[in-house]
């Protein structure tokens, strides 16, 4: 059962409207509606904690394995990252439709996909802090004669002004 389905079931079991529950949780009605519709997930684990406390269930029950990855992605990389991980895991679930994998194996596949997703994101300088960024530039745009560049180790060139050069730039703190 998905997070959205669990929310609907719990809310209906408590005989509450979406508006009443949103007010009790201190979140906008529209936000809660997107949770129940399965369109978005809470960005903050605090919302899961409030829901779990309100319904007297564990956060693990609410989250399930797939939702844990989506929530973590949303916290680490924002709403877009959460949606991307949700899409990735949703497509992976399609692979399991034949029932050939055990639950343990499915969880391992989900975790592996999640780890691969973040490895790819870390290669993007937008998400990486204090990491190495690779850039390809034309050698004729670099002053390769400058001792200053070579001393710092920031630029490496084979000296051919017409070739492409790959440089590594270490981000400064």
Protein backbone atom coordinates (compact mmCIF):
# COMPACT_ATOMS: atom_id res chain seq x y z
CA UNK A 1 0.00 0.00 0.00
CA UNK A 2 1.39 3.40 -0.97
CA UNK A 3 1.90 6.34 1.35
CA UNK A 4 -1.08 8.11 -0.27
CA UNK A 5 -3.34 5.08 0.23
CA UNK A 6 -2.28 4.75 3.86
CA UNK A 7 -3.10 8.42 4.47
CA UNK A 8 -6.56 8.06 2.94
CA UNK A 9 -7.29 4.91 4.91
CA UNK A 10 -6.12 6.37 8.22
CA UNK A 11 -7.98 9.66 7.70
CA UNK A 12 -11.21 7.93 6.75
CA UNK A 13 -10.84 5.58 9.70
CA UNK A 14 -10.62 8.63 11.96
CA UNK A 15 -13.72 10.13 10.26
CA UNK A 16 -11.91 13.34 9.36
CA UNK A 17 -12.02 15.52 6.28
CA UNK A 18 -8.84 16.51 4.51
CA UNK A 19 -9.35 20.09 5.73
CA UNK A 20 -9.71 18.98 9.36
CA UNK A 21 -6.58 16.87 9.22
CA UNK A 22 -4.53 19.56 7.46
CA UNK A 23 -5.53 22.03 10.17
CA UNK A 24 -4.58 19.59 12.96
CA UNK A 25 -1.19 19.02 11.29
CA UNK A 26 -0.63 22.73 10.72
CA UNK A 27 -0.17 22.43 6.97
CA UNK A 28 -2.10 23.95 4.05
CA UNK A 29 -5.07 21.94 2.78
CA UNK A 30 -3.67 21.87 -0.77
CA UNK A 31 -0.40 20.41 0.50
CA UNK A 32 -2.23 17.63 2.30
CA UNK A 33 -4.36 16.96 -0.77
CA UNK A 34 -1.23 16.43 -2.86
CA UNK A 35 0.00 13.87 -0.32
CA UNK A 36 -3.24 11.88 -0.53
CA UNK A 37 -3.27 12.14 -4.31
CA UNK A 38 0.25 10.73 -4.43
CA UNK A 39 1.46 13.82 -6.30
CA UNK A 40 3.99 14.84 -3.66
CA UNK A 41 5.48 13.71 -0.40
CA UNK A 42 6.34 15.68 2.72
CA UNK A 43 9.71 17.37 2.32
CA UNK A 44 10.38 17.18 6.02
CA UNK A 45 10.46 14.11 8.24
CA UNK A 46 8.69 16.25 10.86
CA UNK A 47 5.43 15.92 8.90
CA UNK A 48 5.77 12.14 8.93
CA UNK A 49 6.37 12.28 12.67
CA UNK A 50 3.25 14.39 13.21
CA UNK A 51 1.16 12.03 11.09
CA UNK A 52 2.52 8.97 12.89
CA UNK A 53 1.87 10.52 16.31
CA UNK A 54 -1.63 11.62 15.33
CA UNK A 55 -2.62 8.17 14.06
CA UNK A 56 -0.58 6.30 16.66
CA UNK A 57 1.41 4.39 14.02
CA UNK A 58 5.13 4.21 13.32
CA UNK A 59 6.83 6.36 10.72
CA UNK A 60 8.15 3.12 9.22
CA UNK A 61 4.56 2.03 8.61
CA UNK A 62 3.77 5.31 6.85
CA UNK A 63 6.92 5.42 4.79
CA UNK A 64 7.54 1.91 3.58
CA UNK A 65 10.86 1.37 1.80
CA UNK A 66 10.08 3.28 -1.39
CA UNK A 67 8.73 6.34 0.37
CA UNK A 68 11.78 6.50 2.65
CA UNK A 69 13.99 6.95 -0.39
CA UNK A 70 11.69 9.58 -1.86
CA UNK A 71 11.52 11.52 1.39
CA UNK A 72 15.26 11.42 1.85
CA UNK A 73 15.77 12.62 -1.73
CA UNK A 74 13.34 15.50 -1.19
CA UNK A 75 15.17 16.52 1.99
CA UNK A 76 18.59 16.29 0.34
CA UNK A 77 17.83 17.75 -3.07
CA UNK A 78 14.42 19.41 -2.92
CA UNK A 79 11.09 18.62 -4.49
CA UNK A 80 12.54 17.95 -7.92
CA UNK A 81 14.93 15.32 -6.57
CA UNK A 82 12.04 13.69 -4.71
CA UNK A 83 10.00 13.52 -7.91
CA UNK A 84 12.94 12.13 -9.87
CA UNK A 85 13.59 9.39 -7.32
CA UNK A 86 9.86 8.60 -7.20
CA UNK A 87 9.82 8.21 -10.99
CA UNK A 88 12.97 6.08 -10.97
CA UNK A 89 11.61 3.77 -8.27
CA UNK A 90 8.20 3.61 -9.93
CA UNK A 91 9.81 2.40 -13.15
CA UNK A 92 11.85 -0.12 -11.18
CA UNK A 93 8.66 -1.44 -9.57
CA UNK A 94 7.41 -2.26 -13.07
CA UNK A 95 10.29 -4.68 -13.36
CA UNK A 96 9.08 -6.54 -10.28
CA UNK A 97 5.59 -7.18 -11.67
CA UNK A 98 6.48 -10.76 -12.61
CA UNK A 99 7.11 -11.63 -8.96
CA UNK A 100 10.49 -13.21 -9.65
CA UNK A 101 12.41 -11.29 -6.97
CA UNK A 102 12.11 -11.74 -3.23
CA UNK A 103 11.24 -8.71 -1.11
CA UNK A 104 14.84 -8.62 0.12
CA UNK A 105 16.14 -8.54 -3.46
CA UNK A 106 13.64 -5.83 -4.41
CA UNK A 107 14.86 -3.71 -1.50
CA UNK A 108 18.45 -4.24 -2.60
CA UNK A 109 17.59 -3.11 -6.14
CA UNK A 110 15.78 -0.02 -4.79
CA UNK A 111 18.73 0.91 -2.59
CA UNK A 112 21.17 0.40 -5.45
CA UNK A 113 19.13 2.63 -7.77
CA UNK A 114 18.90 5.27 -5.05
CA UNK A 115 22.67 5.19 -4.50
CA UNK A 116 23.31 5.41 -8.25
CA UNK A 117 20.96 8.40 -8.48
CA UNK A 118 22.91 10.31 -5.83
CA UNK A 119 26.28 9.33 -7.29
CA UNK A 120 25.13 10.87 -10.57
CA UNK A 121 23.84 13.98 -8.80
CA UNK A 122 27.13 14.45 -6.97
CA UNK A 123 28.92 14.66 -10.30
CA UNK A 124 26.80 17.72 -11.03
CA UNK A 125 28.51 20.70 -9.41
CA UNK A 126 25.14 22.13 -8.43
CA UNK A 127 24.82 19.40 -5.80
CA UNK A 128 28.47 18.81 -4.94
CA UNK A 129 30.21 20.76 -2.21
CA UNK A 130 34.00 20.73 -2.02
CA UNK A 131 34.20 18.19 -4.81
CA UNK A 132 36.16 18.08 -8.03
CA UNK A 133 34.45 19.50 -11.09
CA UNK A 134 35.60 18.39 -14.54
CA UNK A 135 35.48 20.87 -17.40
CA UNK A 136 36.67 20.71 -20.99
CA UNK A 137 37.90 23.96 -22.54
CA UNK A 138 39.94 25.06 -25.55
CA UNK A 139 43.65 25.26 -24.76
CA UNK A 140 43.93 28.59 -26.57
CA UNK A 141 41.77 30.13 -23.83
CA UNK A 142 44.36 29.27 -21.18
CA UNK A 143 47.53 31.18 -20.49
CA UNK A 144 49.73 28.07 -20.42
CA UNK A 145 52.91 30.14 -20.37
CA UNK A 146 52.07 31.52 -16.96
CA UNK A 147 54.13 29.96 -14.19
CA UNK A 148 51.34 31.02 -11.87
CA UNK A 149 48.92 28.45 -13.35
CA UNK A 150 51.37 25.55 -13.17
CA UNK A 151 52.47 26.41 -9.63
CA UNK A 152 48.90 26.25 -8.34
CA UNK A 153 48.26 23.04 -10.24
CA UNK A 154 44.94 24.41 -11.46
CA UNK A 155 45.55 24.00 -15.19
CA UNK A 156 47.15 21.12 -17.03
CA UNK A 157 47.91 21.45 -20.74
CA UNK A 158 49.92 19.56 -23.31
CA UNK A 159 50.94 22.93 -24.79
CA UNK A 160 49.02 22.49 -28.06
CA UNK A 161 46.95 25.66 -28.37
CA UNK A 162 44.39 24.00 -30.69
CA UNK A 163 43.56 20.94 -28.61
CA UNK A 164 40.93 20.38 -25.98
CA UNK A 165 42.21 20.17 -22.44
CA UNK A 166 40.49 18.65 -19.46
CA UNK A 167 41.10 20.48 -16.25
CA UNK A 168 40.16 19.67 -12.70
CA UNK A 169 39.09 22.58 -10.57
CA UNK A 170 38.91 21.95 -6.86
CA UNK A 171 36.18 24.02 -5.25
CA UNK A 172 37.39 26.24 -2.48
CA UNK A 173 35.68 26.26 0.89
